[in-house]
Amino acid sequence: MAALHKGPDDNESDSFRRLALNPFYGEANPIGGMTEAPPRHRLPAGPLPPSSAYQLVRDELMLDGNSRLNLATFVTTWMEPQAGVLMGECRDKNMIDKDEYPRTAELERRCVAMLADLWHAPDPSAAVGCSTTGSSEACMLAGMALKRRWTKKNADRYPAARPNLVMGVNVQVCWEKFCNFWEVEPRLVPMEGDRYHLDAASAAALCDENTIGVVAVLGSTFDGSYEPVADICAALDDLQARTGLDVPVHVDGASGAMIAPFLDEDLVWDFRLPRVSSINTSGHKYGLVYPGVGWALWRGPEELPEELVFRVNYLGGDMPTFALNFSRPGAQVVAQYYTFLRLGREGYRAVQQTSRDVARGLAERIEAMGDFRLLTRGDQLPVFAFTTAPDVTAYDVFDVSRRLREHGWLVPAYTFPAHREDLSVLRIVCRNGFSADLAGLLVEDLNRLLPELRRQPGPFTRDKEAATSFHH
């Protein structure tokens, strides 16, 4: 098995390492001047002056991509300077230590209350929720609650009976991790034809007495489309009427839960549906906060088994916690509260509408080129996927991604999962900060590349995995 991070390259010469040092960085200091670069893969023998250490690290980070041009990530890449100042002032606070930092804890509580109200919890004051490091942790917590509730109801059969979780094959990888880590059978509905996500009939058909829940995604990672949460709930209502099976729904709203409340107010997907037990979102995606912060909310205390909540007193006070980790900074929670306070409903509506407008406009311009076919148009999440037109044979989406990277644009190309592995697409995520002007520059670069791509004898990018992912 390959390591997550490989060790140092033994072929790297010491002379090359010395060449890495700019002589200007060897400033005089009480410890002595720095005449050569420090080792890369072992601790230096002694300390460096802070300015030298800063410059060495900063120089290496120059080789990273420009985050504003990264059209692959859903993660927020721009915030106001005031938010950055607040985060800097809170980076030393441990979010979990609510006794020592009671005001940070209060801001977390207010954020939970605001989200409960935004998502139409029957009684927002009774909704239960917490901040997390991101949607992945939030999904793990929601999955744990679903499994524990099922286990308690089926104590006479568990562990002989193996629990399962129903979801579309398009779910984010964190759900596969949950099933693996917590020994739950994943029941994945494959893609079929032009259906790229979970549908109600398929979800209900896979449920049985061992199903702990159904995951409905409000904004698929693969193409930005919403899954039909209300239809899925209705199908499960019908299933219960016929069989007595009562299967709860978790809405993975990593992105859509911060889009739909402002732009799709008539869409019923949240706690207005009695079968929706819990919802998660990523504050660091369309919640408009730097990474990493997520949120998990349950309809009420009965949805979150009490035995999953731990109480500790060794930091002072009585602190109930439901998290996979114990220490994390309070800065992102404070930034989330700042953003809620700063924007309000109308501000969020304006920001998200602008992102959707940019996505729809860019999708239309790419379609008009004639070389591409749109799968989605950015009219749900501000995200759209497209592939090459049927008559394009000189190049493929991997070639397009590779050539755009030469201009600084990170536009991912990838294949769809079962049963549409034959379909390879490009996907563009339009976030706050990706303006109409930047979209225009992307179109210009793409138009400049197309004549060269059309002259190719055939697709050049044979190693699809190498073309689409970064490996340590």
Protein backbone atom coordinates (compact mmCIF):
# COMPACT_ATOMS: atom_id res chain seq x y z
CA MET A 1 0.00 0.00 0.00
CA ALA A 2 1.34 3.43 -0.91
CA ALA A 3 1.97 5.86 1.93
CA LEU A 4 -0.10 9.01 2.17
CA HIS A 5 3.11 11.02 2.00
CA LYS A 6 6.26 9.57 0.49
CA GLY A 7 9.62 10.09 2.15
CA PRO A 8 12.43 12.28 0.79
CA ASP A 9 14.00 11.64 -2.57
CA ASP A 10 17.33 9.95 -1.84
CA ASN A 11 18.69 11.14 -5.18
CA GLU A 12 18.43 14.79 -4.22
CA SER A 13 21.98 16.15 -3.94
CA ASP A 14 23.23 18.25 -1.05
CA SER A 15 24.61 20.78 -3.52
CA PHE A 16 21.14 21.35 -4.93
CA ARG A 17 19.78 21.94 -1.44
CA ARG A 18 22.41 24.62 -0.85
CA LEU A 19 21.41 26.32 -4.09
CA ALA A 20 17.90 26.74 -2.67
CA LEU A 21 19.08 29.58 -0.43
CA ASN A 22 19.00 33.21 -1.54
CA PRO A 23 22.07 34.88 0.03
CA PHE A 24 19.90 37.83 1.06
CA TYR A 25 18.08 35.56 3.51
CA GLY A 26 21.22 34.88 5.58
CA GLU A 27 20.80 37.93 7.78
CA ALA A 28 22.98 38.51 10.83
CA ASN A 29 21.42 37.32 14.08
CA PRO A 30 22.56 36.38 17.59
CA ILE A 31 22.66 32.70 16.62
CA GLY A 32 24.95 33.33 13.68
CA GLY A 33 24.46 34.07 9.98
CA MET A 34 22.71 31.48 7.82
CA THR A 35 25.07 30.42 5.04
CA GLU A 36 23.15 27.50 3.59
CA ALA A 37 19.58 26.32 3.38
CA PRO A 38 18.28 24.17 6.25
CA PRO A 39 17.58 20.46 5.61
CA ARG A 40 14.19 19.67 4.12
CA HIS A 41 13.39 16.32 5.67
CA ARG A 42 14.81 16.50 9.16
CA LEU A 43 14.70 19.12 11.88
CA PRO A 44 17.40 21.78 11.57
CA ALA A 45 20.12 21.67 14.22
CA GLY A 46 19.10 25.08 15.55
CA PRO A 47 16.55 27.87 15.15
CA LEU A 48 16.28 30.34 12.27
CA PRO A 49 15.40 34.01 12.50
CA PRO A 50 11.65 34.42 11.96
CA SER A 51 12.07 36.55 8.84
CA SER A 52 14.29 33.92 7.21
CA ALA A 53 11.94 31.06 8.06
CA TYR A 54 8.99 33.08 6.75
CA GLN A 55 10.71 33.88 3.46
CA LEU A 56 11.79 30.29 2.84
CA VAL A 57 8.27 28.96 3.42
CA ARG A 58 6.68 31.77 1.44
CA ASP A 59 8.95 31.17 -1.55
CA GLU A 60 7.98 27.52 -1.72
CA LEU A 61 4.28 28.31 -1.49
CA MET A 62 4.59 30.50 -4.57
CA LEU A 63 4.42 27.28 -6.57
CA ASP A 64 0.87 26.58 -5.40
CA GLY A 65 -1.94 27.41 -7.77
CA ASN A 66 -3.93 30.65 -7.51
CA SER A 67 -6.94 29.74 -5.37
CA ARG A 68 -9.16 32.31 -7.07
CA LEU A 69 -8.60 30.53 -10.39
CA ASN A 70 -9.34 27.11 -8.91
CA LEU A 71 -12.68 26.23 -10.47
CA ALA A 72 -12.55 22.71 -9.03
CA THR A 73 -13.03 23.56 -5.38
CA PHE A 74 -16.27 24.43 -3.63
CA VAL A 75 -14.29 25.96 -0.76
CA THR A 76 -14.40 29.71 -0.10
CA THR A 77 -11.29 31.48 -1.40
CA TRP A 78 -12.12 35.10 -0.53
CA MET A 79 -13.40 36.91 2.54
CA GLU A 80 -13.40 40.53 3.58
CA PRO A 81 -10.29 41.81 5.41
CA GLN A 82 -12.36 42.39 8.56
CA ALA A 83 -13.18 38.69 8.68
CA GLY A 84 -9.50 37.85 8.38
CA VAL A 85 -8.70 40.17 11.30
CA LEU A 86 -11.36 38.51 13.46
CA MET A 87 -10.05 35.06 12.58
CA GLY A 88 -6.52 36.11 13.46
CA GLU A 89 -7.70 37.34 16.83
CA CYS A 90 -9.44 34.03 17.56
CA ARG A 91 -6.98 31.50 16.18
CA ASP A 92 -5.62 30.69 19.65
CA LYS A 93 -9.04 29.81 21.11
CA ASN A 94 -9.98 26.15 21.41
CA MET A 95 -13.58 25.93 20.24
CA ILE A 96 -14.31 22.97 22.49
CA ASP A 97 -13.36 24.83 25.70
CA LYS A 98 -16.70 26.51 26.25
CA ASP A 99 -15.96 27.36 29.87
CA GLU A 100 -12.83 29.35 29.02
CA TYR A 101 -14.30 30.95 25.89
CA PRO A 102 -18.00 31.41 26.67
CA ARG A 103 -18.61 34.15 24.11
CA THR A 104 -17.22 32.02 21.28
CA ALA A 105 -19.52 29.24 22.47
CA GLU A 106 -22.43 31.68 22.45
CA LEU A 107 -21.68 32.66 18.85
CA GLU A 108 -21.72 28.96 17.92
CA ARG A 109 -25.11 28.59 19.64
CA ARG A 110 -26.48 31.59 17.74
CA CYS A 111 -25.29 30.16 14.42
CA VAL A 112 -27.08 26.89 15.16
CA ALA A 113 -30.27 28.82 16.01
CA MET A 114 -30.01 30.87 12.80
CA LEU A 115 -29.59 27.74 10.68
CA ALA A 116 -32.50 26.02 12.45
CA ASP A 117 -34.68 29.00 11.59
CA LEU A 118 -33.34 29.16 8.02
CA TRP A 119 -34.09 25.45 7.51
CA HIS A 120 -37.60 25.68 9.01
CA ALA A 121 -37.11 23.55 12.09
CA PRO A 122 -40.54 23.07 13.74
CA ASP A 123 -39.20 24.67 16.92
CA PRO A 124 -35.86 26.39 16.24
CA SER A 125 -35.26 26.76 19.96
CA ALA A 126 -35.48 22.97 20.34
CA ALA A 127 -33.29 22.08 17.35
CA VAL A 128 -30.00 20.45 18.26
CA GLY A 129 -26.80 21.23 16.39
CA CYS A 130 -23.08 21.82 16.49
CA SER A 131 -20.21 23.17 14.47
CA THR A 132 -17.73 20.76 12.91
CA THR A 133 -14.50 20.94 10.94
CA GLY A 134 -16.52 20.61 7.73
CA SER A 135 -19.30 18.66 6.08
CA SER A 136 -17.33 15.42 6.22
CA GLU A 137 -17.35 15.43 10.02
CA ALA A 138 -20.96 16.63 10.04
CA CYS A 139 -21.96 13.71 7.81
CA MET A 140 -20.12 11.27 10.07
CA LEU A 141 -22.00 12.61 13.11
CA ALA A 142 -25.35 12.44 11.30
CA GLY A 143 -24.61 8.89 10.17
CA MET A 144 -23.65 7.87 13.71
CA ALA A 145 -26.96 9.22 15.02
CA LEU A 146 -28.90 7.31 12.34
CA LYS A 147 -27.07 4.08 13.13
CA ARG A 148 -27.47 4.43 16.90
CA ARG A 149 -31.22 5.10 16.59
CA TRP A 150 -31.61 2.03 14.35
CA THR A 151 -29.51 -0.08 16.73
CA LYS A 152 -31.67 0.85 19.72
CA LYS A 153 -34.86 -0.01 17.81
CA ASN A 154 -33.40 -3.32 16.65
CA ALA A 155 -31.49 -4.39 19.76
CA ASP A 156 -32.97 -7.89 19.49
CA ARG A 157 -31.44 -8.39 16.02
CA TYR A 158 -28.23 -6.35 16.15
CA PRO A 159 -25.35 -7.10 15.62
CA ALA A 160 -26.45 -10.23 13.73
CA ALA A 161 -28.33 -7.99 11.29
CA ARG A 162 -26.05 -5.63 9.36
CA PRO A 163 -27.36 -2.05 9.01
CA ASN A 164 -27.36 -0.38 5.60
CA LEU A 165 -27.52 3.17 4.27
CA VAL A 166 -29.20 4.03 0.95
CA MET A 167 -27.76 6.78 -1.24
CA GLY A 168 -26.83 7.64 -4.80
CA VAL A 169 -23.46 6.63 -6.20
CA ASN A 170 -22.81 10.36 -6.64
CA VAL A 171 -22.47 11.05 -2.90
CA GLN A 172 -19.32 12.69 -1.59
CA VAL A 173 -16.62 10.22 -0.55
CA CYS A 174 -17.18 10.99 3.16
CA TRP A 175 -20.29 8.78 3.06
CA GLU A 176 -18.27 5.85 1.76
CA LYS A 177 -15.82 6.51 4.58
CA PHE A 178 -18.66 6.52 7.11
CA CYS A 179 -19.93 3.16 5.90
CA ASN A 180 -16.42 1.72 5.99
CA PHE A 181 -15.45 3.10 9.40
CA TRP A 182 -18.77 2.32 11.14
CA GLU A 183 -19.45 -1.01 9.41
CA VAL A 184 -22.59 -0.04 7.57
CA GLU A 185 -23.47 -1.59 4.21
CA PRO A 186 -23.57 1.13 1.54
CA ARG A 187 -26.47 0.63 -0.86
CA LEU A 188 -25.59 2.80 -3.81
CA VAL A 189 -28.07 3.63 -6.56
CA PRO A 190 -26.06 3.79 -9.82
CA MET A 191 -26.47 6.40 -12.50
CA GLU A 192 -28.63 5.42 -15.46
CA GLY A 193 -28.77 7.20 -18.81
CA ASP A 194 -29.33 10.91 -18.21
CA ARG A 195 -30.16 10.41 -14.51
CA TYR A 196 -27.02 11.38 -12.65
CA HIS A 197 -28.27 11.22 -9.06
CA LEU A 198 -30.64 9.45 -6.68
CA ASP A 199 -34.32 9.19 -7.59
CA ALA A 200 -37.24 8.47 -5.28
CA ALA A 201 -38.29 5.07 -6.66
CA SER A 202 -34.77 3.66 -6.58
CA ALA A 203 -34.20 4.89 -3.03
CA ALA A 204 -37.38 3.30 -1.70
CA ALA A 205 -36.70 0.03 -3.56
CA LEU A 206 -33.41 -0.50 -1.72
CA CYS A 207 -34.81 0.09 1.79
CA ASP A 208 -35.58 -2.76 4.16
CA GLU A 209 -35.81 -3.41 7.90
CA ASN A 210 -32.03 -2.89 8.20
CA THR A 211 -31.93 0.53 6.56
CA ILE A 212 -30.76 3.22 8.99
CA GLY A 213 -31.63 6.05 6.60
CA VAL A 214 -31.54 7.53 3.13
CA VAL A 215 -29.06 10.28 2.22
CA ALA A 216 -30.42 12.89 -0.19
CA VAL A 217 -27.88 15.34 -1.60
CA LEU A 218 -28.87 18.94 -2.18
CA GLY A 219 -26.28 19.67 -4.81
CA SER A 220 -24.37 16.77 -6.33
CA THR A 221 -20.59 17.06 -6.41
CA PHE A 222 -20.57 15.60 -9.92
CA ASP A 223 -22.80 18.09 -11.70
CA GLY A 224 -24.32 20.55 -9.19
CA SER A 225 -27.88 19.18 -9.47
CA TYR A 226 -30.32 18.91 -6.55
CA GLU A 227 -31.68 15.50 -5.64
CA PRO A 228 -35.51 15.42 -5.28
CA VAL A 229 -35.70 15.43 -1.48
CA ALA A 230 -39.49 15.92 -1.30
CA ASP A 231 -40.11 13.10 -3.79
CA ILE A 232 -37.79 10.79 -1.86
CA CYS A 233 -39.63 11.57 1.37
CA ALA A 234 -42.98 10.95 -0.33
CA ALA A 235 -41.78 7.58 -1.63
CA LEU A 236 -40.65 6.65 1.89
CA ASP A 237 -44.02 7.78 3.28
CA ASP A 238 -45.67 5.40 0.85
CA LEU A 239 -43.23 2.65 1.83
CA GLN A 240 -44.15 3.09 5.48
CA ALA A 241 -47.86 2.99 4.67
CA ARG A 242 -47.38 -0.29 2.81
CA THR A 243 -44.82 -2.05 4.99
CA GLY A 244 -44.55 -0.21 8.30
CA LEU A 245 -40.88 0.62 7.66
CA ASP A 246 -40.06 4.08 9.02
CA VAL A 247 -36.87 5.24 7.27
CA PRO A 248 -35.48 8.69 8.15
CA VAL A 249 -33.80 11.01 5.66
CA HIS A 250 -30.59 12.95 6.11
CA VAL A 251 -30.07 15.87 3.73
CA ASP A 252 -26.46 16.39 2.78
CA GLY A 253 -26.71 20.08 2.02
CA ALA A 254 -22.96 20.69 1.93
CA SER A 255 -23.49 23.40 -0.69
CA GLY A 256 -27.20 23.56 -1.50
CA ALA A 257 -28.34 24.19 2.07
CA MET A 258 -26.76 27.64 1.78
CA ILE A 259 -28.12 28.25 -1.72
CA ALA A 260 -31.72 26.99 -1.77
CA PRO A 261 -33.01 29.00 1.24
CA PHE A 262 -32.12 32.22 -0.56
CA LEU A 263 -32.67 31.45 -4.24
CA ASP A 264 -35.18 28.59 -4.27
CA GLU A 265 -37.54 29.54 -1.45
CA ASP A 266 -40.44 27.54 -2.88
CA LEU A 267 -38.38 24.34 -2.99
CA VAL A 268 -39.35 22.15 -0.02
CA TRP A 269 -36.33 20.10 1.01
CA ASP A 270 -35.63 20.85 4.68
CA PHE A 271 -37.28 20.33 8.10
CA ARG A 272 -40.63 21.25 6.55
CA LEU A 273 -40.61 17.59 5.49
CA PRO A 274 -41.35 15.55 8.65
CA ARG A 275 -39.18 12.69 7.43
CA VAL A 276 -36.04 14.85 7.33
CA SER A 277 -34.20 13.98 10.51
CA SER A 278 -30.97 15.93 10.08
CA ILE A 279 -29.18 18.33 7.75
CA ASN A 280 -25.56 19.31 7.29
CA THR A 281 -23.83 22.11 5.44
CA SER A 282 -20.33 23.43 4.88
CA GLY A 283 -19.82 26.89 6.28
CA HIS A 284 -16.63 26.99 4.24
CA LYS A 285 -18.43 26.45 0.93
CA TYR A 286 -21.45 28.56 0.10
CA GLY A 287 -21.59 29.58 3.75
CA LEU A 288 -18.83 31.94 2.55
CA VAL A 289 -16.25 31.25 5.29
CA TYR A 290 -12.62 30.18 4.92
CA PRO A 291 -12.01 26.48 5.70
CA GLY A 292 -12.73 24.65 7.76
CA VAL A 293 -16.15 24.82 9.36
CA GLY A 294 -19.30 22.76 8.91
CA TRP A 295 -22.65 22.45 10.67
CA ALA A 296 -24.83 19.51 11.65
CA LEU A 297 -28.42 20.02 12.85
CA TRP A 298 -31.11 17.60 14.03
CA ARG A 299 -34.83 18.25 14.06
CA GLY A 300 -34.96 17.86 17.85
CA PRO A 301 -33.31 16.14 20.81
CA GLU A 302 -35.08 12.84 20.07
CA GLU A 303 -33.19 12.62 16.75
CA LEU A 304 -29.79 12.69 18.46
CA PRO A 305 -29.32 9.84 20.98
CA GLU A 306 -28.15 11.24 24.29
CA GLU A 307 -25.46 8.56 24.74
CA LEU A 308 -23.55 9.97 21.78
CA VAL A 309 -23.02 13.26 23.63
CA PHE A 310 -20.03 13.33 25.97
CA ARG A 311 -19.68 15.59 28.96
CA VAL A 312 -16.30 16.53 30.38
CA ASN A 313 -15.29 18.78 33.23
CA TYR A 314 -11.50 18.71 33.20
CA LEU A 315 -11.29 22.00 31.30
CA GLY A 316 -13.65 23.57 33.81
CA GLY A 317 -17.44 23.57 33.77
CA ASP A 318 -19.78 20.97 32.28
CA MET A 319 -19.19 20.73 28.54
CA PRO A 320 -21.42 18.55 26.35
CA THR A 321 -19.63 17.68 23.11
CA PHE A 322 -20.54 15.72 20.01
CA ALA A 323 -17.53 15.68 17.72
CA LEU A 324 -14.91 13.38 16.27
CA ASN A 325 -12.07 15.55 17.48
CA PHE A 326 -11.62 17.54 20.66
CA SER A 327 -9.47 20.54 19.82
CA ARG A 328 -10.03 22.97 16.99
CA PRO A 329 -9.85 26.73 16.56
CA GLY A 330 -12.82 28.97 17.20
CA ALA A 331 -11.81 31.34 14.41
CA GLN A 332 -14.00 29.78 11.72
CA VAL A 333 -17.09 29.77 13.94
CA VAL A 334 -16.53 33.44 14.71
CA ALA A 335 -16.10 34.09 10.98
CA GLN A 336 -19.39 32.29 10.28
CA TYR A 337 -21.22 34.45 12.79
CA TYR A 338 -19.57 37.55 11.30
CA THR A 339 -20.77 36.56 7.83
CA PHE A 340 -24.33 35.85 9.02
CA LEU A 341 -24.36 39.23 10.78
CA ARG A 342 -22.69 41.04 7.89
CA LEU A 343 -24.89 39.77 5.08
CA GLY A 344 -28.26 38.77 6.51
CA ARG A 345 -30.81 37.13 4.24
CA GLU A 346 -30.73 39.81 1.56
CA GLY A 347 -26.94 39.88 1.47
CA TYR A 348 -26.73 36.11 1.07
CA ARG A 349 -29.41 36.27 -1.60
CA ALA A 350 -27.43 38.87 -3.55
CA VAL A 351 -24.13 36.97 -3.30
CA GLN A 352 -25.61 33.60 -4.24
CA GLN A 353 -27.66 35.07 -7.08
CA THR A 354 -24.55 36.67 -8.51
CA SER A 355 -22.73 33.32 -8.41
CA ARG A 356 -25.66 31.61 -10.12
CA ASP A 357 -25.85 34.34 -12.77
CA VAL A 358 -22.15 33.94 -13.50
CA ALA A 359 -22.53 30.16 -13.75
CA ARG A 360 -25.52 30.32 -16.08
CA GLY A 361 -23.92 32.96 -18.28
CA LEU A 362 -20.65 31.05 -18.51
CA ALA A 363 -22.45 27.79 -19.29
CA GLU A 364 -24.32 29.46 -22.15
CA ARG A 365 -21.12 30.90 -23.62
CA ILE A 366 -19.36 27.54 -23.47
CA GLU A 367 -22.35 25.83 -25.11
CA ALA A 368 -22.34 28.45 -27.87
CA MET A 369 -18.79 27.47 -28.86
CA GLY A 370 -20.26 24.34 -30.45
CA ASP A 371 -17.57 21.96 -29.19
CA PHE A 372 -19.28 21.10 -25.92
CA ARG A 373 -22.52 19.63 -24.58
CA LEU A 374 -23.89 20.80 -21.24
CA LEU A 375 -25.09 18.27 -18.68
CA THR A 376 -26.22 20.96 -16.23
CA ARG A 377 -26.52 24.72 -16.55
CA GLY A 378 -25.71 26.15 -13.13
CA ASP A 379 -29.36 26.87 -12.35
CA GLN A 380 -29.34 24.91 -9.07
CA LEU A 381 -25.91 25.01 -7.47
CA PRO A 382 -23.81 27.65 -9.30
CA VAL A 383 -21.99 24.67 -10.75
CA PHE A 384 -22.21 23.03 -14.15
CA ALA A 385 -20.73 20.03 -15.92
CA PHE A 386 -20.11 19.63 -19.64
CA THR A 387 -18.48 17.22 -22.03
CA THR A 388 -17.28 17.32 -25.62
CA ALA A 389 -19.87 17.24 -28.38
CA PRO A 390 -20.39 13.87 -30.15
CA ASP A 391 -18.60 15.04 -33.30
CA VAL A 392 -15.45 16.15 -31.44
CA THR A 393 -12.78 13.45 -31.92
CA ALA A 394 -9.50 15.37 -31.96
CA TYR A 395 -9.41 15.96 -28.20
CA ASP A 396 -11.22 15.05 -25.01
CA VAL A 397 -12.08 16.74 -21.73
CA PHE A 398 -8.74 15.70 -20.21
CA ASP A 399 -6.90 17.58 -22.95
CA VAL A 400 -9.00 20.67 -22.25
CA SER A 401 -8.27 20.48 -18.53
CA ARG A 402 -4.54 20.04 -19.17
CA ARG A 403 -4.32 22.98 -21.56
CA LEU A 404 -6.36 25.31 -19.33
CA ARG A 405 -3.97 24.51 -16.47
CA GLU A 406 -1.18 25.99 -18.59
CA HIS A 407 -3.05 29.30 -18.34
CA GLY A 408 -3.51 29.01 -14.57
CA TRP A 409 -7.08 27.67 -14.61
CA LEU A 410 -7.85 24.56 -12.57
CA VAL A 411 -10.86 22.95 -14.25
CA PRO A 412 -11.19 19.27 -13.25
CA ALA A 413 -11.89 16.51 -15.75
CA TYR A 414 -13.15 13.17 -14.49
CA THR A 415 -15.27 10.16 -15.34
CA PHE A 416 -18.69 9.53 -13.82
CA PRO A 417 -19.25 6.52 -11.55
CA ALA A 418 -21.29 3.35 -12.20
CA HIS A 419 -23.05 2.87 -14.54
CA ARG A 420 -21.82 5.88 -16.52
CA GLU A 421 -18.07 5.32 -16.47
CA ASP A 422 -18.24 6.00 -20.21
CA LEU A 423 -19.01 9.67 -19.55
CA SER A 424 -16.10 12.06 -18.96
CA VAL A 425 -16.82 15.66 -18.07
CA LEU A 426 -15.40 19.00 -17.05
CA ARG A 427 -16.95 20.81 -14.08
CA ILE A 428 -16.83 24.49 -13.18
CA VAL A 429 -17.69 25.75 -9.68
CA CYS A 430 -18.63 29.43 -9.55
CA ARG A 431 -18.02 30.85 -6.07
CA ASN A 432 -18.15 34.31 -4.60
CA GLY A 433 -15.07 36.06 -5.97
CA PHE A 434 -15.27 34.38 -9.38
CA SER A 435 -16.66 37.38 -11.22
CA ALA A 436 -18.21 37.84 -14.64
CA ASP A 437 -14.92 39.45 -15.70
CA LEU A 438 -12.94 36.35 -14.68
CA ALA A 439 -15.50 34.18 -16.46
CA GLY A 440 -14.93 36.27 -19.57
CA LEU A 441 -11.17 35.74 -19.31
CA LEU A 442 -11.74 31.98 -19.03
CA VAL A 443 -13.85 32.03 -22.19
CA GLU A 444 -11.14 33.99 -24.01
CA ASP A 445 -8.47 31.47 -22.99
CA LEU A 446 -10.68 28.57 -24.01
CA ASN A 447 -11.39 30.16 -27.39
CA ARG A 448 -7.65 30.62 -27.94
CA LEU A 449 -6.99 26.95 -27.15
CA LEU A 450 -9.73 25.41 -29.27
CA PRO A 451 -8.08 25.88 -32.70
CA GLU A 452 -4.97 24.05 -31.43
CA LEU A 453 -7.04 21.29 -29.85
CA ARG A 454 -9.04 20.82 -33.04
CA ARG A 455 -5.81 20.27 -35.00
CA GLN A 456 -4.70 17.37 -32.79
CA PRO A 457 -4.64 13.93 -34.41
CA GLY A 458 -6.48 12.58 -31.39
CA PRO A 459 -6.74 12.87 -27.62
CA PHE A 460 -3.27 13.12 -26.06
CA THR A 461 -4.07 12.45 -22.41
CA ARG A 462 -3.98 8.68 -22.19
CA ASP A 463 -3.39 8.35 -18.44
CA LYS A 464 -6.73 9.65 -17.17
CA GLU A 465 -5.89 9.20 -13.49
CA ALA A 466 -2.66 11.16 -13.79
CA ALA A 467 -4.48 13.86 -15.69
CA THR A 468 -7.13 14.50 -13.09
CA SER A 469 -5.61 14.15 -9.64
CA PHE A 470 -2.73 15.22 -7.46
CA HIS A 471 -0.72 12.55 -5.70
CA HIS A 472 1.73 12.85 -2.81
